[in-house]
Amino acid sequence: MHGRALCLRHLLVVFGLVLAAGFLARPGYGADAPMELAGIRLGETLAEAGKTVAHPETDRSFHKPYLGLAAVAPVPGYRSGYVDYGLCAKPGRIVRLKMNYADESLEFFERILEALTKRYGAPQEWRGNAFRTLRTWKWSLRAAGGEPVSLILMHYEGEDGAFTEGNSIRLAATGMVHDEEVCYDAKYKKSDAFEAARAEAAKNKKLGLDWFLPR
């Protein structure tokens, strides 16, 4: 019974978002994008964040080598979190952060969704799945200074380790992230390591397809 009530509540929230979209998209509507979450501000450095970010030695993001990864110190209301910071254009500058809420319930997710919609308008993108185990809403906003900001709210309840269980929120200054990527590419593509990687890739094309398949 409780599950049905939550499902109905979710449908009502979605219906409300659809109705709100027409009003919120009218010319003149808008709210400055958020730049801060849990006491951490996008654009500030690790040094400026101080003890809020319990960063160790540089831990490079495995899929974005131009960003470092650092854990967030314990924050009330959140069970964990991390920040991504620049390693090239502006070393140490925080460009993205993800926080995992202590409350993992769908009911809490719906409350946060409603509050974000009231504050920033209807989200522009839905990334959930048909099984309702993954619910993801995304806002594409702009801060007061024109900086593009991505805001993502997610709820997951399943067994896929690729997703964080429970409720999480991500905030990214996408322009700053892009600056780091451009800087890294400009430096890396002139290096011997890049030429070696390109030569290796060319060699891999000669491998049979069976090499890339599990057996």
N, C-alpha and C. Protein backbone atom coordinates (compact mmCIF):
# COMPACT_ATOMS: atom_id res chain seq x y z
N MET A 1 0.84 -1.20 0.00
CA MET A 1 0.00 0.00 0.00
C MET A 1 0.88 1.26 0.00
N HIS A 2 1.92 1.20 0.81
CA HIS A 2 2.83 2.34 0.88
C HIS A 2 3.51 2.57 -0.46
N GLY A 3 3.89 1.44 -1.12
CA GLY A 3 4.55 1.54 -2.43
C GLY A 3 3.63 2.18 -3.45
N ARG A 4 2.31 1.80 -3.40
CA ARG A 4 1.36 2.38 -4.35
C ARG A 4 1.20 3.87 -4.13
N ALA A 5 1.22 4.27 -2.88
CA ALA A 5 1.08 5.69 -2.55
C ALA A 5 2.25 6.49 -3.09
N LEU A 6 3.46 5.93 -2.98
CA LEU A 6 4.65 6.61 -3.49
C LEU A 6 4.60 6.70 -5.01
N CYS A 7 4.11 5.61 -5.67
CA CYS A 7 4.00 5.62 -7.13
C CYS A 7 3.02 6.68 -7.59
N LEU A 8 1.87 6.78 -6.89
CA LEU A 8 0.88 7.79 -7.22
C LEU A 8 1.45 9.18 -7.00
N ARG A 9 2.20 9.34 -5.93
CA ARG A 9 2.81 10.63 -5.64
C ARG A 9 3.78 11.02 -6.75
N HIS A 10 4.55 10.02 -7.23
CA HIS A 10 5.51 10.31 -8.31
C HIS A 10 4.77 10.75 -9.57
N LEU A 11 3.67 10.06 -9.90
CA LEU A 11 2.90 10.43 -11.09
C LEU A 11 2.35 11.84 -10.98
N LEU A 12 1.91 12.20 -9.78
CA LEU A 12 1.38 13.55 -9.57
C LEU A 12 2.47 14.60 -9.73
N VAL A 13 3.68 14.27 -9.23
CA VAL A 13 4.81 15.19 -9.37
C VAL A 13 5.15 15.39 -10.83
N VAL A 14 5.20 14.26 -11.60
CA VAL A 14 5.52 14.35 -13.03
C VAL A 14 4.47 15.17 -13.75
N PHE A 15 3.18 14.93 -13.43
CA PHE A 15 2.11 15.69 -14.06
C PHE A 15 2.25 17.17 -13.74
N GLY A 16 2.62 17.47 -12.50
CA GLY A 16 2.81 18.87 -12.12
C GLY A 16 3.95 19.51 -12.87
N LEU A 17 5.01 18.73 -13.11
CA LEU A 17 6.16 19.26 -13.87
C LEU A 17 5.76 19.58 -15.30
N VAL A 18 4.94 18.71 -15.89
CA VAL A 18 4.50 18.95 -17.27
C VAL A 18 3.67 20.22 -17.35
N LEU A 19 2.76 20.38 -16.39
CA LEU A 19 1.93 21.59 -16.37
C LEU A 19 2.78 22.83 -16.12
N ALA A 20 3.78 22.68 -15.26
CA ALA A 20 4.61 23.84 -14.91
C ALA A 20 5.52 24.26 -16.05
N ALA A 21 5.89 23.30 -16.90
CA ALA A 21 6.87 23.59 -17.94
C ALA A 21 6.42 24.73 -18.84
N GLY A 22 5.13 24.74 -19.20
CA GLY A 22 4.65 25.80 -20.07
C GLY A 22 4.76 27.17 -19.42
N PHE A 23 4.44 27.24 -18.14
CA PHE A 23 4.50 28.51 -17.43
C PHE A 23 5.93 28.95 -17.18
N LEU A 24 6.76 27.98 -16.73
CA LEU A 24 8.12 28.32 -16.35
C LEU A 24 8.99 28.68 -17.54
N ALA A 25 8.63 28.22 -18.73
CA ALA A 25 9.43 28.50 -19.91
C ALA A 25 9.08 29.84 -20.55
N ARG A 26 8.07 30.55 -20.03
CA ARG A 26 7.68 31.82 -20.62
C ARG A 26 8.78 32.85 -20.49
N PRO A 27 8.89 33.76 -21.46
CA PRO A 27 9.91 34.81 -21.38
C PRO A 27 9.80 35.57 -20.07
N GLY A 28 10.92 35.85 -19.47
CA GLY A 28 10.91 36.63 -18.23
C GLY A 28 11.09 35.76 -17.01
N TYR A 29 10.80 34.42 -17.15
CA TYR A 29 10.97 33.55 -15.99
C TYR A 29 12.43 33.14 -15.89
N GLY A 30 12.90 32.96 -14.68
CA GLY A 30 14.26 32.47 -14.53
C GLY A 30 14.77 32.64 -13.12
N ALA A 31 15.73 31.83 -12.77
CA ALA A 31 16.40 31.93 -11.48
C ALA A 31 17.86 31.62 -11.71
N ASP A 32 18.73 32.34 -11.04
CA ASP A 32 20.16 32.08 -11.20
C ASP A 32 20.48 30.64 -10.82
N ALA A 33 21.33 30.02 -11.60
CA ALA A 33 21.73 28.64 -11.30
C ALA A 33 22.50 28.60 -9.98
N PRO A 34 22.37 27.50 -9.24
CA PRO A 34 23.12 27.36 -7.99
C PRO A 34 24.59 27.11 -8.28
N MET A 35 25.44 27.59 -7.42
CA MET A 35 26.88 27.37 -7.54
C MET A 35 27.45 26.73 -6.27
N GLU A 36 26.58 26.48 -5.30
CA GLU A 36 27.07 25.95 -4.02
C GLU A 36 26.17 24.85 -3.51
N LEU A 37 26.76 23.86 -2.87
CA LEU A 37 26.02 22.75 -2.28
C LEU A 37 26.81 22.20 -1.10
N ALA A 38 26.12 22.00 0.01
CA ALA A 38 26.74 21.41 1.21
C ALA A 38 27.98 22.18 1.66
N GLY A 39 27.97 23.50 1.47
CA GLY A 39 29.09 24.32 1.92
C GLY A 39 30.26 24.37 0.95
N ILE A 40 30.12 23.74 -0.22
CA ILE A 40 31.19 23.73 -1.23
C ILE A 40 30.72 24.54 -2.43
N ARG A 41 31.58 25.43 -2.93
CA ARG A 41 31.20 26.32 -4.03
C ARG A 41 32.00 26.00 -5.29
N LEU A 42 31.30 25.86 -6.40
CA LEU A 42 31.97 25.66 -7.69
C LEU A 42 32.81 26.88 -8.01
N GLY A 43 34.01 26.66 -8.51
CA GLY A 43 34.89 27.76 -8.85
C GLY A 43 35.91 28.08 -7.77
N GLU A 44 35.64 27.66 -6.53
CA GLU A 44 36.63 27.88 -5.47
C GLU A 44 37.69 26.79 -5.55
N THR A 45 38.82 27.04 -4.93
CA THR A 45 39.90 26.07 -4.96
C THR A 45 39.80 25.12 -3.77
N LEU A 46 40.55 24.03 -3.83
CA LEU A 46 40.59 23.09 -2.71
C LEU A 46 41.08 23.79 -1.45
N ALA A 47 42.03 24.70 -1.62
CA ALA A 47 42.56 25.44 -0.47
C ALA A 47 41.48 26.31 0.15
N GLU A 48 40.67 26.95 -0.70
CA GLU A 48 39.59 27.80 -0.20
C GLU A 48 38.50 26.99 0.47
N ALA A 49 38.26 25.77 -0.02
CA ALA A 49 37.25 24.91 0.58
C ALA A 49 37.68 24.44 1.97
N GLY A 50 39.00 24.42 2.19
CA GLY A 50 39.52 24.07 3.51
C GLY A 50 39.19 22.65 3.93
N LYS A 51 38.75 22.51 5.17
CA LYS A 51 38.51 21.19 5.74
C LYS A 51 37.23 20.56 5.21
N THR A 52 36.41 21.31 4.45
CA THR A 52 35.18 20.75 3.90
C THR A 52 35.50 19.61 2.95
N VAL A 53 36.61 19.74 2.24
CA VAL A 53 37.06 18.68 1.33
C VAL A 53 38.27 17.98 1.95
N ALA A 54 38.07 16.73 2.32
CA ALA A 54 39.15 15.97 2.96
C ALA A 54 40.00 15.32 1.87
N HIS A 55 40.68 16.15 1.09
CA HIS A 55 41.37 15.63 -0.08
C HIS A 55 42.72 14.99 0.28
N PRO A 56 42.99 13.84 -0.34
CA PRO A 56 44.29 13.18 -0.17
C PRO A 56 45.23 13.69 -1.25
N GLU A 57 46.24 12.88 -1.59
CA GLU A 57 47.06 13.21 -2.75
C GLU A 57 46.18 13.17 -3.99
N THR A 58 46.60 13.83 -5.05
CA THR A 58 45.80 13.90 -6.27
C THR A 58 45.38 12.51 -6.74
N ASP A 59 44.07 12.32 -6.88
CA ASP A 59 43.51 11.07 -7.39
C ASP A 59 42.83 11.40 -8.70
N ARG A 60 43.47 11.09 -9.80
CA ARG A 60 42.97 11.47 -11.12
C ARG A 60 41.72 10.67 -11.48
N SER A 61 40.70 11.35 -12.02
CA SER A 61 39.49 10.68 -12.47
C SER A 61 39.84 9.71 -13.58
N PHE A 62 39.40 8.45 -13.47
CA PHE A 62 39.83 7.43 -14.43
C PHE A 62 39.30 7.67 -15.84
N HIS A 63 38.14 8.32 -15.98
CA HIS A 63 37.59 8.55 -17.32
C HIS A 63 37.73 9.99 -17.79
N LYS A 64 38.19 10.86 -16.90
CA LYS A 64 38.45 12.25 -17.27
C LYS A 64 39.81 12.64 -16.69
N PRO A 65 40.88 12.33 -17.41
CA PRO A 65 42.24 12.52 -16.87
C PRO A 65 42.63 13.96 -16.61
N TYR A 66 41.81 14.91 -17.04
CA TYR A 66 42.08 16.31 -16.79
C TYR A 66 41.48 16.79 -15.48
N LEU A 67 40.82 15.89 -14.74
CA LEU A 67 40.21 16.25 -13.46
C LEU A 67 40.76 15.38 -12.33
N GLY A 68 40.94 15.99 -11.17
CA GLY A 68 41.31 15.25 -9.98
C GLY A 68 40.05 14.92 -9.19
N LEU A 69 40.13 13.96 -8.31
CA LEU A 69 38.98 13.51 -7.54
C LEU A 69 39.31 13.55 -6.06
N ALA A 70 38.45 14.15 -5.26
CA ALA A 70 38.70 14.24 -3.83
C ALA A 70 37.42 14.02 -3.04
N ALA A 71 37.53 13.30 -1.94
CA ALA A 71 36.37 13.03 -1.09
C ALA A 71 35.99 14.26 -0.29
N VAL A 72 34.70 14.35 0.02
CA VAL A 72 34.19 15.43 0.86
C VAL A 72 34.16 14.95 2.31
N ALA A 73 34.56 15.80 3.22
CA ALA A 73 34.52 15.46 4.64
C ALA A 73 33.07 15.24 5.07
N PRO A 74 32.81 14.53 6.17
CA PRO A 74 31.44 14.30 6.63
C PRO A 74 30.64 15.60 6.75
N VAL A 75 29.43 15.60 6.17
CA VAL A 75 28.54 16.76 6.18
C VAL A 75 27.18 16.31 6.70
N PRO A 76 26.56 17.05 7.64
CA PRO A 76 25.25 16.66 8.15
C PRO A 76 24.22 16.50 7.03
N GLY A 77 23.46 15.41 7.07
CA GLY A 77 22.41 15.18 6.09
C GLY A 77 22.86 14.42 4.85
N TYR A 78 24.17 14.22 4.71
CA TYR A 78 24.71 13.49 3.56
C TYR A 78 25.56 12.33 4.07
N ARG A 79 25.51 11.20 3.36
CA ARG A 79 26.31 10.05 3.80
C ARG A 79 27.70 10.05 3.16
N SER A 80 27.85 10.72 2.02
CA SER A 80 29.16 10.79 1.36
C SER A 80 29.11 11.79 0.21
N GLY A 81 30.28 12.04 -0.38
CA GLY A 81 30.33 12.95 -1.53
C GLY A 81 31.75 13.10 -2.03
N TYR A 82 31.89 13.68 -3.21
CA TYR A 82 33.22 13.95 -3.76
C TYR A 82 33.17 15.16 -4.66
N VAL A 83 34.32 15.73 -4.94
CA VAL A 83 34.42 16.85 -5.87
C VAL A 83 35.42 16.48 -6.97
N ASP A 84 35.21 17.05 -8.15
CA ASP A 84 36.19 16.99 -9.23
C ASP A 84 36.84 18.36 -9.32
N TYR A 85 38.16 18.39 -9.48
CA TYR A 85 38.84 19.68 -9.56
C TYR A 85 39.83 19.67 -10.73
N GLY A 86 40.11 20.85 -11.24
CA GLY A 86 40.97 20.98 -12.40
C GLY A 86 42.41 20.60 -12.15
N LEU A 87 43.04 20.06 -13.20
CA LEU A 87 44.46 19.70 -13.13
C LEU A 87 45.28 20.43 -14.19
N CYS A 88 44.62 21.28 -15.00
CA CYS A 88 45.35 21.88 -16.12
C CYS A 88 45.10 23.38 -16.23
N ALA A 89 43.89 23.77 -16.64
CA ALA A 89 43.60 25.19 -16.86
C ALA A 89 43.75 26.00 -15.58
N LYS A 90 43.13 25.52 -14.51
CA LYS A 90 43.25 26.17 -13.20
C LYS A 90 43.36 25.07 -12.15
N PRO A 91 44.55 24.56 -11.92
CA PRO A 91 44.75 23.46 -10.98
C PRO A 91 44.15 23.73 -9.60
N GLY A 92 43.40 22.75 -9.12
CA GLY A 92 42.80 22.87 -7.79
C GLY A 92 41.43 23.51 -7.77
N ARG A 93 40.96 24.06 -8.91
CA ARG A 93 39.64 24.70 -8.93
C ARG A 93 38.55 23.63 -8.99
N ILE A 94 37.57 23.72 -8.09
CA ILE A 94 36.47 22.75 -8.04
C ILE A 94 35.48 23.05 -9.17
N VAL A 95 35.23 22.05 -10.02
CA VAL A 95 34.37 22.25 -11.18
C VAL A 95 33.09 21.40 -11.12
N ARG A 96 33.12 20.34 -10.33
CA ARG A 96 31.93 19.48 -10.20
C ARG A 96 31.89 18.92 -8.79
N LEU A 97 30.68 18.59 -8.34
CA LEU A 97 30.57 17.90 -7.06
C LEU A 97 29.34 17.01 -7.05
N LYS A 98 29.44 15.92 -6.34
CA LYS A 98 28.33 14.99 -6.18
C LYS A 98 28.18 14.68 -4.70
N MET A 99 26.93 14.78 -4.22
CA MET A 99 26.65 14.48 -2.82
C MET A 99 25.56 13.42 -2.74
N ASN A 100 25.75 12.45 -1.85
CA ASN A 100 24.77 11.38 -1.63
C ASN A 100 24.01 11.66 -0.34
N TYR A 101 22.70 11.80 -0.45
CA TYR A 101 21.87 12.11 0.72
C TYR A 101 21.84 10.94 1.70
N ALA A 102 21.76 11.25 2.98
CA ALA A 102 21.65 10.22 4.01
C ALA A 102 20.30 9.51 3.90
N ASP A 103 19.25 10.27 3.57
CA ASP A 103 17.91 9.69 3.40
C ASP A 103 17.82 9.10 1.99
N GLU A 104 17.68 7.79 1.89
CA GLU A 104 17.69 7.10 0.60
C GLU A 104 16.29 6.81 0.07
N SER A 105 15.25 7.28 0.74
CA SER A 105 13.88 6.93 0.37
C SER A 105 13.39 7.67 -0.87
N LEU A 106 12.43 7.05 -1.57
CA LEU A 106 11.82 7.68 -2.73
C LEU A 106 11.01 8.90 -2.30
N GLU A 107 10.42 8.83 -1.13
CA GLU A 107 9.64 9.97 -0.62
C GLU A 107 10.52 11.21 -0.48
N PHE A 108 11.73 11.05 0.03
CA PHE A 108 12.64 12.18 0.17
C PHE A 108 13.04 12.71 -1.21
N PHE A 109 13.27 11.80 -2.16
CA PHE A 109 13.60 12.19 -3.53
C PHE A 109 12.50 13.09 -4.11
N GLU A 110 11.24 12.69 -3.89
CA GLU A 110 10.12 13.47 -4.42
C GLU A 110 10.06 14.86 -3.79
N ARG A 111 10.37 14.93 -2.51
CA ARG A 111 10.36 16.23 -1.82
C ARG A 111 11.44 17.15 -2.39
N ILE A 112 12.64 16.60 -2.62
CA ILE A 112 13.73 17.39 -3.19
C ILE A 112 13.38 17.82 -4.61
N LEU A 113 12.78 16.90 -5.38
CA LEU A 113 12.38 17.21 -6.76
C LEU A 113 11.40 18.37 -6.80
N GLU A 114 10.41 18.35 -5.94
CA GLU A 114 9.42 19.43 -5.90
C GLU A 114 10.08 20.76 -5.52
N ALA A 115 10.97 20.70 -4.54
CA ALA A 115 11.63 21.93 -4.09
C ALA A 115 12.52 22.51 -5.18
N LEU A 116 13.25 21.65 -5.90
CA LEU A 116 14.12 22.13 -6.98
C LEU A 116 13.30 22.72 -8.13
N THR A 117 12.16 22.10 -8.40
CA THR A 117 11.30 22.59 -9.48
C THR A 117 10.74 23.97 -9.15
N LYS A 118 10.35 24.16 -7.91
CA LYS A 118 9.85 25.47 -7.49
C LYS A 118 10.94 26.54 -7.58
N ARG A 119 12.17 26.14 -7.29
CA ARG A 119 13.27 27.10 -7.26
C ARG A 119 13.88 27.37 -8.64
N TYR A 120 14.00 26.33 -9.47
CA TYR A 120 14.72 26.49 -10.75
C TYR A 120 13.88 26.20 -11.99
N GLY A 121 12.60 25.92 -11.79
CA GLY A 121 11.75 25.62 -12.93
C GLY A 121 11.74 24.13 -13.24
N ALA A 122 10.98 23.76 -14.26
CA ALA A 122 10.87 22.35 -14.63
C ALA A 122 12.19 21.85 -15.21
N PRO A 123 12.59 20.63 -14.84
CA PRO A 123 13.81 20.06 -15.43
C PRO A 123 13.63 19.85 -16.93
N GLN A 124 14.73 19.93 -17.68
CA GLN A 124 14.65 19.81 -19.13
C GLN A 124 14.84 18.39 -19.63
N GLU A 125 15.31 17.48 -18.76
CA GLU A 125 15.63 16.14 -19.26
C GLU A 125 15.33 15.06 -18.24
N TRP A 126 14.74 13.95 -18.73
CA TRP A 126 14.45 12.79 -17.91
C TRP A 126 15.35 11.64 -18.36
N ARG A 127 16.03 10.98 -17.42
CA ARG A 127 16.94 9.90 -17.78
C ARG A 127 16.63 8.61 -17.03
N GLY A 128 15.42 8.41 -16.66
CA GLY A 128 15.07 7.21 -15.92
C GLY A 128 14.94 6.00 -16.82
N ASN A 129 14.65 4.83 -16.21
CA ASN A 129 14.45 3.62 -17.01
C ASN A 129 13.03 3.11 -16.86
N ALA A 130 12.66 2.17 -17.72
CA ALA A 130 11.30 1.65 -17.77
C ALA A 130 10.93 0.84 -16.53
N PHE A 131 11.94 0.36 -15.80
CA PHE A 131 11.68 -0.47 -14.62
C PHE A 131 11.48 0.36 -13.36
N ARG A 132 11.63 1.65 -13.48
CA ARG A 132 11.44 2.58 -12.36
C ARG A 132 12.45 2.38 -11.24
N THR A 133 13.53 1.66 -11.53
CA THR A 133 14.58 1.53 -10.52
C THR A 133 15.50 2.75 -10.55
N LEU A 134 15.53 3.44 -11.69
CA LEU A 134 16.36 4.63 -11.85
C LEU A 134 15.47 5.81 -12.24
N ARG A 135 15.55 6.87 -11.45
CA ARG A 135 14.81 8.11 -11.73
C ARG A 135 15.82 9.24 -11.72
N THR A 136 15.96 9.91 -12.84
CA THR A 136 16.95 10.98 -12.95
C THR A 136 16.35 12.18 -13.68
N TRP A 137 16.46 13.35 -13.06
CA TRP A 137 16.03 14.61 -13.67
C TRP A 137 17.23 15.53 -13.81
N LYS A 138 17.28 16.23 -14.94
CA LYS A 138 18.39 17.13 -15.18
C LYS A 138 17.91 18.53 -15.54
N TRP A 139 18.57 19.53 -14.94
CA TRP A 139 18.36 20.94 -15.26
C TRP A 139 19.61 21.48 -15.94
N SER A 140 19.43 22.27 -16.99
CA SER A 140 20.55 22.98 -17.63
C SER A 140 20.31 24.46 -17.40
N LEU A 141 21.13 25.08 -16.56
CA LEU A 141 20.88 26.44 -16.08
C LEU A 141 22.09 27.34 -16.36
N ARG A 142 21.94 28.60 -16.02
CA ARG A 142 23.05 29.55 -16.12
C ARG A 142 23.14 30.36 -14.84
N ALA A 143 24.37 30.50 -14.36
CA ALA A 143 24.60 31.29 -13.15
C ALA A 143 24.52 32.77 -13.50
N ALA A 144 24.55 33.60 -12.48
CA ALA A 144 24.42 35.04 -12.67
C ALA A 144 25.46 35.60 -13.63
N GLY A 145 26.68 35.05 -13.61
CA GLY A 145 27.74 35.53 -14.48
C GLY A 145 27.73 34.91 -15.86
N GLY A 146 26.73 34.07 -16.15
CA GLY A 146 26.63 33.44 -17.46
C GLY A 146 27.20 32.04 -17.52
N GLU A 147 27.80 31.56 -16.44
CA GLU A 147 28.38 30.22 -16.41
C GLU A 147 27.30 29.14 -16.55
N PRO A 148 27.41 28.24 -17.56
CA PRO A 148 26.44 27.16 -17.67
C PRO A 148 26.62 26.15 -16.54
N VAL A 149 25.50 25.73 -15.96
CA VAL A 149 25.54 24.82 -14.81
C VAL A 149 24.58 23.66 -15.06
N SER A 150 25.07 22.47 -14.79
CA SER A 150 24.25 21.27 -14.90
C SER A 150 23.88 20.81 -13.49
N LEU A 151 22.58 20.54 -13.28
CA LEU A 151 22.08 20.09 -11.99
C LEU A 151 21.33 18.77 -12.22
N ILE A 152 21.74 17.71 -11.55
CA ILE A 152 21.13 16.40 -11.75
C ILE A 152 20.72 15.81 -10.41
N LEU A 153 19.47 15.38 -10.34
CA LEU A 153 18.94 14.71 -9.15
C LEU A 153 18.62 13.27 -9.53
N MET A 154 19.10 12.32 -8.73
CA MET A 154 18.92 10.91 -9.09
C MET A 154 18.48 10.07 -7.89
N HIS A 155 17.61 9.10 -8.19
CA HIS A 155 17.21 8.09 -7.21
C HIS A 155 17.41 6.73 -7.85
N TYR A 156 18.08 5.83 -7.14
CA TYR A 156 18.29 4.48 -7.67
C TYR A 156 18.07 3.44 -6.59
N GLU A 157 17.39 2.37 -6.96
CA GLU A 157 17.18 1.24 -6.05
C GLU A 157 17.30 -0.04 -6.87
N GLY A 158 18.48 -0.59 -6.92
CA GLY A 158 18.70 -1.79 -7.71
C GLY A 158 20.04 -2.41 -7.37
N GLU A 159 20.53 -3.27 -8.27
CA GLU A 159 21.76 -4.02 -7.99
C GLU A 159 22.88 -3.68 -8.97
N ASP A 160 22.71 -2.66 -9.78
CA ASP A 160 23.74 -2.26 -10.73
C ASP A 160 24.74 -1.34 -10.05
N GLY A 161 25.98 -1.82 -9.90
CA GLY A 161 27.00 -1.05 -9.21
C GLY A 161 27.41 0.21 -9.93
N ALA A 162 26.94 0.39 -11.18
CA ALA A 162 27.29 1.59 -11.93
C ALA A 162 26.56 2.82 -11.40
N PHE A 163 25.49 2.59 -10.64
CA PHE A 163 24.71 3.69 -10.09
C PHE A 163 24.81 3.71 -8.56
N THR A 164 24.73 4.90 -8.00
CA THR A 164 24.77 5.05 -6.55
C THR A 164 23.41 4.76 -5.96
N GLU A 165 23.36 3.86 -5.00
CA GLU A 165 22.10 3.49 -4.34
C GLU A 165 21.52 4.68 -3.58
N GLY A 166 20.21 4.84 -3.60
CA GLY A 166 19.55 5.90 -2.86
C GLY A 166 19.44 7.19 -3.65
N ASN A 167 19.58 8.31 -2.95
CA ASN A 167 19.40 9.62 -3.56
C ASN A 167 20.71 10.39 -3.64
N SER A 168 20.94 11.01 -4.78
CA SER A 168 22.16 11.80 -4.95
C SER A 168 21.87 13.03 -5.79
N ILE A 169 22.72 14.03 -5.68
CA ILE A 169 22.58 15.26 -6.44
C ILE A 169 23.96 15.67 -6.95
N ARG A 170 24.00 16.11 -8.21
CA ARG A 170 25.26 16.50 -8.84
C ARG A 170 25.15 17.92 -9.37
N LEU A 171 26.19 18.68 -9.19
CA LEU A 171 26.25 20.06 -9.63
C LEU A 171 27.56 20.25 -10.38
N ALA A 172 27.50 20.79 -11.60
CA ALA A 172 28.72 20.95 -12.39
C ALA A 172 28.72 22.28 -13.12
N ALA A 173 29.85 22.97 -13.07
CA ALA A 173 30.06 24.18 -13.87
C ALA A 173 30.64 23.69 -15.20
N THR A 174 29.78 23.43 -16.17
CA THR A 174 30.20 22.74 -17.39
C THR A 174 31.21 23.54 -18.21
N GLY A 175 31.16 24.86 -18.13
CA GLY A 175 32.15 25.68 -18.84
C GLY A 175 33.54 25.47 -18.26
N MET A 176 33.63 25.37 -16.94
CA MET A 176 34.92 25.14 -16.28
C MET A 176 35.45 23.75 -16.61
N VAL A 177 34.54 22.76 -16.65
CA VAL A 177 34.94 21.40 -17.02
C VAL A 177 35.51 21.40 -18.43
N HIS A 178 34.85 22.12 -19.33
CA HIS A 178 35.31 22.20 -20.73
C HIS A 178 36.68 22.86 -20.82
N ASP A 179 36.91 23.89 -20.03
CA ASP A 179 38.21 24.56 -20.02
C ASP A 179 39.33 23.59 -19.66
N GLU A 180 39.07 22.73 -18.69
CA GLU A 180 40.07 21.75 -18.28
C GLU A 180 40.33 20.73 -19.38
N GLU A 181 39.28 20.31 -20.05
CA GLU A 181 39.44 19.33 -21.14
C GLU A 181 40.24 19.92 -22.30
N VAL A 182 39.92 21.16 -22.68
CA VAL A 182 40.63 21.82 -23.78
C VAL A 182 42.11 21.99 -23.44
N CYS A 183 42.39 22.41 -22.22
CA CYS A 183 43.76 22.60 -21.78
C CYS A 183 44.53 21.29 -21.82
N TYR A 184 43.91 20.23 -21.32
CA TYR A 184 44.56 18.92 -21.30
C TYR A 184 44.84 18.42 -22.71
N ASP A 185 43.84 18.54 -23.60
CA ASP A 185 44.02 18.08 -24.98
C ASP A 185 45.15 18.83 -25.68
N ALA A 186 45.21 20.14 -25.44
CA ALA A 186 46.24 20.96 -26.09
C ALA A 186 47.64 20.52 -25.66
N LYS A 187 47.79 20.11 -24.41
CA LYS A 187 49.10 19.68 -23.91
C LYS A 187 49.38 18.22 -24.24
N TYR A 188 48.39 17.37 -24.03
CA TYR A 188 48.60 15.94 -24.20
C TYR A 188 48.82 15.56 -25.66
N LYS A 189 48.10 16.18 -26.58
CA LYS A 189 48.19 15.79 -27.99
C LYS A 189 49.50 16.21 -28.63
N LYS A 190 50.31 16.95 -27.90
CA LYS A 190 51.64 17.31 -28.39
C LYS A 190 52.72 16.43 -27.76
N SER A 191 52.31 15.51 -26.90
CA SER A 191 53.27 14.72 -26.14
C SER A 191 53.62 13.41 -26.85
N ASP A 192 54.74 12.84 -26.44
CA ASP A 192 55.17 11.54 -26.96
C ASP A 192 54.18 10.45 -26.55
N ALA A 193 53.58 10.61 -25.38
CA ALA A 193 52.62 9.61 -24.88
C ALA A 193 51.41 9.51 -25.81
N PHE A 194 50.96 10.66 -26.32
CA PHE A 194 49.81 10.66 -27.22
C PHE A 194 50.17 9.95 -28.53
N GLU A 195 51.35 10.22 -29.06
CA GLU A 195 51.78 9.59 -30.30
C GLU A 195 51.92 8.08 -30.10
N ALA A 196 52.40 7.67 -28.95
CA ALA A 196 52.55 6.25 -28.66
C ALA A 196 51.18 5.58 -28.56
N ALA A 197 50.22 6.27 -27.92
CA ALA A 197 48.86 5.74 -27.79
C ALA A 197 48.20 5.62 -29.16
N ARG A 198 48.43 6.59 -30.03
CA ARG A 198 47.84 6.55 -31.36
C ARG A 198 48.42 5.40 -32.18
N ALA A 199 49.72 5.18 -32.05
CA ALA A 199 50.36 4.07 -32.75
C ALA A 199 49.82 2.73 -32.25
N GLU A 200 49.58 2.64 -30.94
CA GLU A 200 49.04 1.42 -30.35
C GLU A 200 47.63 1.16 -30.86
N ALA A 201 46.83 2.23 -30.99
CA ALA A 201 45.47 2.10 -31.48
C ALA A 201 45.46 1.58 -32.92
N ALA A 202 46.39 2.07 -33.73
CA ALA A 202 46.49 1.63 -35.12
C ALA A 202 46.85 0.14 -35.18
N LYS A 203 47.72 -0.28 -34.26
CA LYS A 203 48.12 -1.69 -34.22
C LYS A 203 46.96 -2.58 -33.81
N ASN A 204 46.10 -2.09 -32.91
CA ASN A 204 44.96 -2.87 -32.43
C ASN A 204 43.94 -3.17 -33.52
N LYS A 205 43.92 -2.33 -34.58
CA LYS A 205 42.98 -2.54 -35.67
C LYS A 205 43.28 -3.84 -36.41
N LYS A 206 44.51 -4.34 -36.28
CA LYS A 206 44.90 -5.57 -36.97
C LYS A 206 44.51 -6.81 -36.18
N LEU A 207 44.08 -6.63 -34.94
CA LEU A 207 43.66 -7.76 -34.12
C LEU A 207 42.32 -8.29 -34.59
N GLY A 208 42.11 -9.57 -34.50
CA GLY A 208 40.82 -10.12 -34.89
C GLY A 208 39.74 -9.75 -33.89
N LEU A 209 38.48 -9.76 -34.35
CA LEU A 209 37.36 -9.38 -33.49
C LEU A 209 37.28 -10.27 -32.26
N ASP A 210 37.68 -11.53 -32.41
CA ASP A 210 37.59 -12.48 -31.30
C ASP A 210 38.40 -12.03 -30.08
N TRP A 211 39.47 -11.24 -30.33
CA TRP A 211 40.31 -10.76 -29.24
C TRP A 211 39.52 -9.87 -28.27
N PHE A 212 38.50 -9.18 -28.79
CA PHE A 212 37.74 -8.22 -28.00
C PHE A 212 36.49 -8.83 -27.37
N LEU A 213 36.29 -10.13 -27.54
CA LEU A 213 35.09 -10.79 -27.02
C LEU A 213 35.44 -11.70 -25.84
N PRO A 214 34.52 -11.80 -24.86
CA PRO A 214 34.77 -12.71 -23.73
C PRO A 214 34.69 -14.15 -24.21
N ARG A 215 35.40 -15.04 -23.50
CA ARG A 215 35.34 -16.46 -23.88
C ARG A 215 35.42 -17.33 -22.65
